[in-house]
C-alpha atoms as a PDB file:
ATOM      1  CA  MET A   1       0.363  -0.011   0.208  1.00  0.00           C
ATOM      2  CA  GLU A   2       2.769   2.411   0.637  1.00  0.00           C
ATOM      3  CA  PHE A   3       4.216   1.930  -2.721  1.00  0.00           C
ATOM      4  CA  ASP A   4       0.439   3.115  -4.181  1.00  0.00           C
ATOM      5  CA  ARG A   5       0.650   5.758  -2.091  1.00  0.00           C
ATOM      6  CA  LEU A   6       4.072   6.901  -3.196  1.00  0.00           C
ATOM      7  CA  LEU A   7       2.778   6.298  -7.163  1.00  0.00           C
ATOM      8  CA  ALA A   8      -0.003   8.167  -6.900  1.00  0.00           C
ATOM      9  CA  GLU A   9       2.127  11.342  -4.982  1.00  0.00           C
ATOM     10  CA  ASP A  10       4.470  11.809  -7.614  1.00  0.00           C
ATOM     11  CA  TYR A  11       3.957  11.475 -10.861  1.00  0.00           C
ATOM     12  CA  VAL A  12       7.577  11.483 -12.575  1.00  0.00           C
ATOM     13  CA  LEU A  13       8.376   8.479 -10.407  1.00  0.00           C
ATOM     14  CA  ALA A  14       4.969   6.852 -11.142  1.00  0.00           C
ATOM     15  CA  ARG A  15       5.800   7.483 -15.716  1.00  0.00           C
ATOM     16  CA  ARG A  16       9.061   5.597 -14.521  1.00  0.00           C
ATOM     17  CA  VAL A  17       7.906   2.376 -13.512  1.00  0.00           C
ATOM     18  CA  ILE A  18       4.990   2.629 -16.509  1.00  0.00           C
ATOM     19  CA  THR A  19       8.720   2.570 -18.636  1.00  0.00           C
ATOM     20  CA  MET A  20       9.917   0.509 -16.897  1.00  0.00           C
ATOM     21  CA  LEU A  21       7.736  -1.949 -17.052  1.00  0.00           C
ATOM     22  CA  GLY A  22       6.221  -1.056 -20.197  1.00  0.00           C
ATOM     23  CA  SER A  23       9.499  -1.891 -21.521  1.00  0.00           C
ATOM     24  CA  ARG A  24      10.164  -5.415 -19.848  1.00  0.00           C
ATOM     25  CA  VAL A  25       7.147  -6.871 -21.206  1.00  0.00           C
ATOM     26  CA  ARG A  26       8.005  -5.789 -24.458  1.00  0.00           C
ATOM     27  CA  TYR A  27      11.373  -7.393 -23.822  1.00  0.00           C
ATOM     28  CA  LEU A  28       9.668 -10.611 -22.843  1.00  0.00           C
ATOM     29  CA  GLY A  29       7.630 -10.477 -25.689  1.00  0.00           C
ATOM     30  CA  ASP A  30      10.281 -10.277 -28.308  1.00  0.00           C
ATOM     31  CA  ARG A  31      11.875 -13.032 -26.180  1.00  0.00           C
ATOM     32  CA  LEU A  32       9.089 -15.165 -26.273  1.00  0.00           C
ATOM     33  CA  SER A  33       8.513 -13.976 -30.640  1.00  0.00           C
ATOM     34  CA  ASN A  34      12.214 -15.062 -31.043  1.00  0.00           C
ATOM     35  CA  LEU A  35      12.007 -18.373 -29.102  1.00  0.00           C
ATOM     36  CA  ALA A  36       8.861 -19.155 -31.036  1.00  0.00           C
ATOM     37  CA  THR A  37       9.721 -18.655 -34.659  1.00  0.00           C
ATOM     38  CA  GLY A  38      13.493 -17.528 -35.098  1.00  0.00           C
ATOM     39  CA  SER A  39      16.391 -19.680 -36.566  1.00  0.00           C
ATOM     40  CA  VAL A  40      18.464 -20.921 -33.646  1.00  0.00           C
ATOM     41  CA  MET A  41      21.156 -18.836 -35.329  1.00  0.00           C
ATOM     42  CA  SER A  42      18.729 -15.840 -35.233  1.00  0.00           C
ATOM     43  CA  ARG A  43      18.488 -16.269 -31.305  1.00  0.00           C
ATOM     44  CA  LEU A  44      22.252 -16.354 -30.569  1.00  0.00           C
ATOM     45  CA  ILE A  45      22.810 -13.399 -33.044  1.00  0.00           C
ATOM     46  CA  LYS A  46      20.483 -11.692 -30.903  1.00  0.00           C
ATOM     47  CA  LEU A  47      21.881 -13.010 -27.803  1.00  0.00           C
ATOM     48  CA  LEU A  48      25.564 -12.104 -28.248  1.00  0.00           C
ATOM     49  CA  ILE A  49      23.896  -8.105 -29.241  1.00  0.00           C
ATOM     50  CA  SER A  50      22.064  -8.106 -26.603  1.00  0.00           C
ATOM     51  CA  LEU A  51      24.455  -9.168 -24.251  1.00  0.00           C
ATOM     52  CA  VAL A  52      27.067  -6.067 -25.511  1.00  0.00           C
ATOM     53  CA  TYR A  53      24.354  -3.448 -26.452  1.00  0.00           C
ATOM     54  CA  ASP A  54      24.775  -1.440 -23.173  1.00  0.00           C
ATOM     55  CA  LEU A  55      28.397  -0.961 -24.526  1.00  0.00           C
ATOM     56  CA  LEU A  56      27.417   0.555 -28.387  1.00  0.00           C
ATOM     57  CA  PRO A  57      26.417   4.110 -27.440  1.00  0.00           C
ATOM     58  CA  ASP A  58      26.769   5.613 -31.163  1.00  0.00           C
ATOM     59  CA  ALA A  59      27.150   4.430 -34.467  1.00  0.00           C
ATOM     60  CA  GLU A  60      31.181   4.152 -34.553  1.00  0.00           C
ATOM     61  CA  ALA A  61      30.762   2.080 -31.198  1.00  0.00           C
ATOM     62  CA  TRP A  62      29.130  -0.512 -33.915  1.00  0.00           C
ATOM     63  CA  ALA A  63      31.608  -1.044 -36.214  1.00  0.00           C
ATOM     64  CA  LYS A  64      34.448  -1.734 -33.603  1.00  0.00           C
ATOM     65  CA  PRO A  65      35.584  -5.104 -31.950  1.00  0.00           C
ATOM     66  CA  VAL A  66      33.589  -4.770 -28.738  1.00  0.00           C
ATOM     67  CA  ALA A  67      33.616  -8.589 -26.120  1.00  0.00           C
ATOM     68  CA  LEU A  68      31.193  -9.594 -24.046  1.00  0.00           C
ATOM     69  CA  PRO A  69      31.532  -7.922 -20.792  1.00  0.00           C
ATOM     70  CA  VAL A  70      31.238 -11.388 -19.143  1.00  0.00           C
ATOM     71  CA  ARG A  71      32.435 -14.691 -19.907  1.00  0.00           C
ATOM     72  CA  ILE A  72      29.564 -17.379 -20.848  1.00  0.00           C
ATOM     73  CA  SER A  73      29.591 -21.057 -21.587  1.00  0.00           C
ATOM     74  CA  GLN A  74      28.365 -22.961 -24.376  1.00  0.00           C
ATOM     75  CA  GLU A  75      25.370 -24.482 -21.741  1.00  0.00           C
ATOM     76  CA  GLN A  76      25.055 -20.459 -20.739  1.00  0.00           C
ATOM     77  CA  LEU A  77      24.300 -19.638 -24.362  1.00  0.00           C
ATOM     78  CA  ALA A  78      22.408 -23.173 -24.606  1.00  0.00           C
ATOM     79  CA  SER A  79      19.582 -22.213 -22.237  1.00  0.00           C
ATOM     80  CA  MET A  80      19.381 -18.771 -22.969  1.00  0.00           C
ATOM     81  CA  THR A  81      18.442 -19.319 -26.978  1.00  0.00           C
ATOM     82  CA  GLY A  82      16.370 -22.884 -25.849  1.00  0.00           C
ATOM     83  CA  SER A  83      18.750 -25.124 -27.775  1.00  0.00           C
ATOM     84  CA  THR A  84      21.552 -27.428 -26.824  1.00  0.00           C
ATOM     85  CA  GLN A  85      25.628 -26.597 -26.103  1.00  0.00           C
ATOM     86  CA  PRO A  86      26.204 -28.847 -29.503  1.00  0.00           C
ATOM     87  CA  THR A  87      24.445 -26.802 -31.090  1.00  0.00           C
ATOM     88  CA  VAL A  88      25.346 -23.529 -29.711  1.00  0.00           C
ATOM     89  CA  SER A  89      29.077 -24.789 -30.191  1.00  0.00           C
ATOM     90  CA  ASP A  90      28.754 -25.570 -34.171  1.00  0.00           C
ATOM     91  CA  LEU A  91      27.273 -22.147 -34.606  1.00  0.00           C
ATOM     92  CA  LEU A  92      30.058 -20.019 -32.460  1.00  0.00           C
ATOM     93  CA  GLN A  93      32.416 -21.754 -35.214  1.00  0.00           C
ATOM     94  CA  LYS A  94      30.222 -20.920 -37.882  1.00  0.00           C
ATOM     95  CA  LEU A  95      30.429 -17.604 -36.690  1.00  0.00           C
ATOM     96  CA  HIS A  96      34.033 -17.572 -36.253  1.00  0.00           C
ATOM     97  CA  LYS A  97      34.974 -19.309 -39.591  1.00  0.00           C
ATOM     98  CA  ALA A  98      33.101 -16.499 -40.882  1.00  0.00           C
ATOM     99  CA  GLY A  99      35.439 -14.055 -39.240  1.00  0.00           C
ATOM    100  CA  LEU A 100      32.393 -12.080 -37.651  1.00  0.00           C
ATOM    101  CA  ILE A 101      33.208 -13.392 -33.452  1.00  0.00           C
ATOM    102  CA  ALA A 102      36.877 -14.104 -32.168  1.00  0.00           C
ATOM    103  CA  ILE A 103      37.029 -17.037 -29.217  1.00  0.00           C
ATOM    104  CA  ALA A 104      39.666 -17.032 -26.863  1.00  0.00           C
ATOM    105  CA  HIS A 105      40.111 -18.296 -23.509  1.00  0.00           C
ATOM    106  CA  ARG A 106      35.907 -18.921 -23.202  1.00  0.00           C
ATOM    107  CA  GLN A 107      35.582 -15.316 -24.144  1.00  0.00           C
ATOM    108  CA  ILE A 108      34.152 -13.790 -27.201  1.00  0.00           C
ATOM    109  CA  THR A 109      34.979 -10.757 -29.008  1.00  0.00           C
ATOM    110  CA  ILE A 110      32.316  -9.694 -31.397  1.00  0.00           C
ATOM    111  CA  CYS A 111      34.459  -8.375 -34.302  1.00  0.00           C
ATOM    112  CA  ASN A 112      32.125  -5.462 -35.961  1.00  0.00           C
ATOM    113  CA  PRO A 113      28.108  -6.250 -34.551  1.00  0.00           C
ATOM    114  CA  LEU A 114      27.010  -3.702 -37.327  1.00  0.00           C
ATOM    115  CA  HIS A 115      28.241  -6.657 -39.501  1.00  0.00           C
ATOM    116  CA  LEU A 116      27.244  -9.567 -37.421  1.00  0.00           C
ATOM    117  CA  LEU A 117      23.400  -8.291 -37.468  1.00  0.00           C
ATOM    118  CA  ALA A 118      23.116  -7.264 -41.370  1.00  0.00           C
ATOM    119  CA  HIS A 119      25.329 -10.912 -42.107  1.00  0.00           C
ATOM    120  CA  ALA A 120      23.715 -13.195 -39.766  1.00  0.00           C
ATOM    121  CA  GLU A 121      21.066 -14.572 -41.732  1.00  0.00           C
ATOM    122  CA  GLU A 122      23.779 -15.691 -44.796  1.00  0.00           C
ATOM    123  CA  ILE A 123      25.153 -18.142 -42.963  1.00  0.00           C
ATOM    124  CA  VAL A 124      23.161 -21.426 -42.656  1.00  0.00           C
ATOM    125  CA  GLU A 125      22.456 -23.219 -40.869  1.00  0.00           C
ATOM    126  CA  ASP A 126      23.064 -26.996 -41.293  1.00  0.00           C
END
């Protein structure tokens, strides 16, 4: 009840809460849609981009290499994309061979985020 009163008394706070909740609902809707209709490659690429998105403040940053800010296992990537570890491993190797990502010591670097998004669907899943 305290929270309700606070929102009723502070329009700016209420607006921020509504905006944040709306963003979260939109994000979850996009994730659900992507899981239902997107290819595993598409889901993996979108996940990789989402993990570095906050590190891409301007157009120039989208054209430069950027490392994932966390080390993440293939099992974790598989879980987050609704896939399996062997499939994620194969897809990461395809992205690596295509020069779109670099992998070293369990650290993934996206060589050019914009290029990755633009050419992602050209990489065919076997």
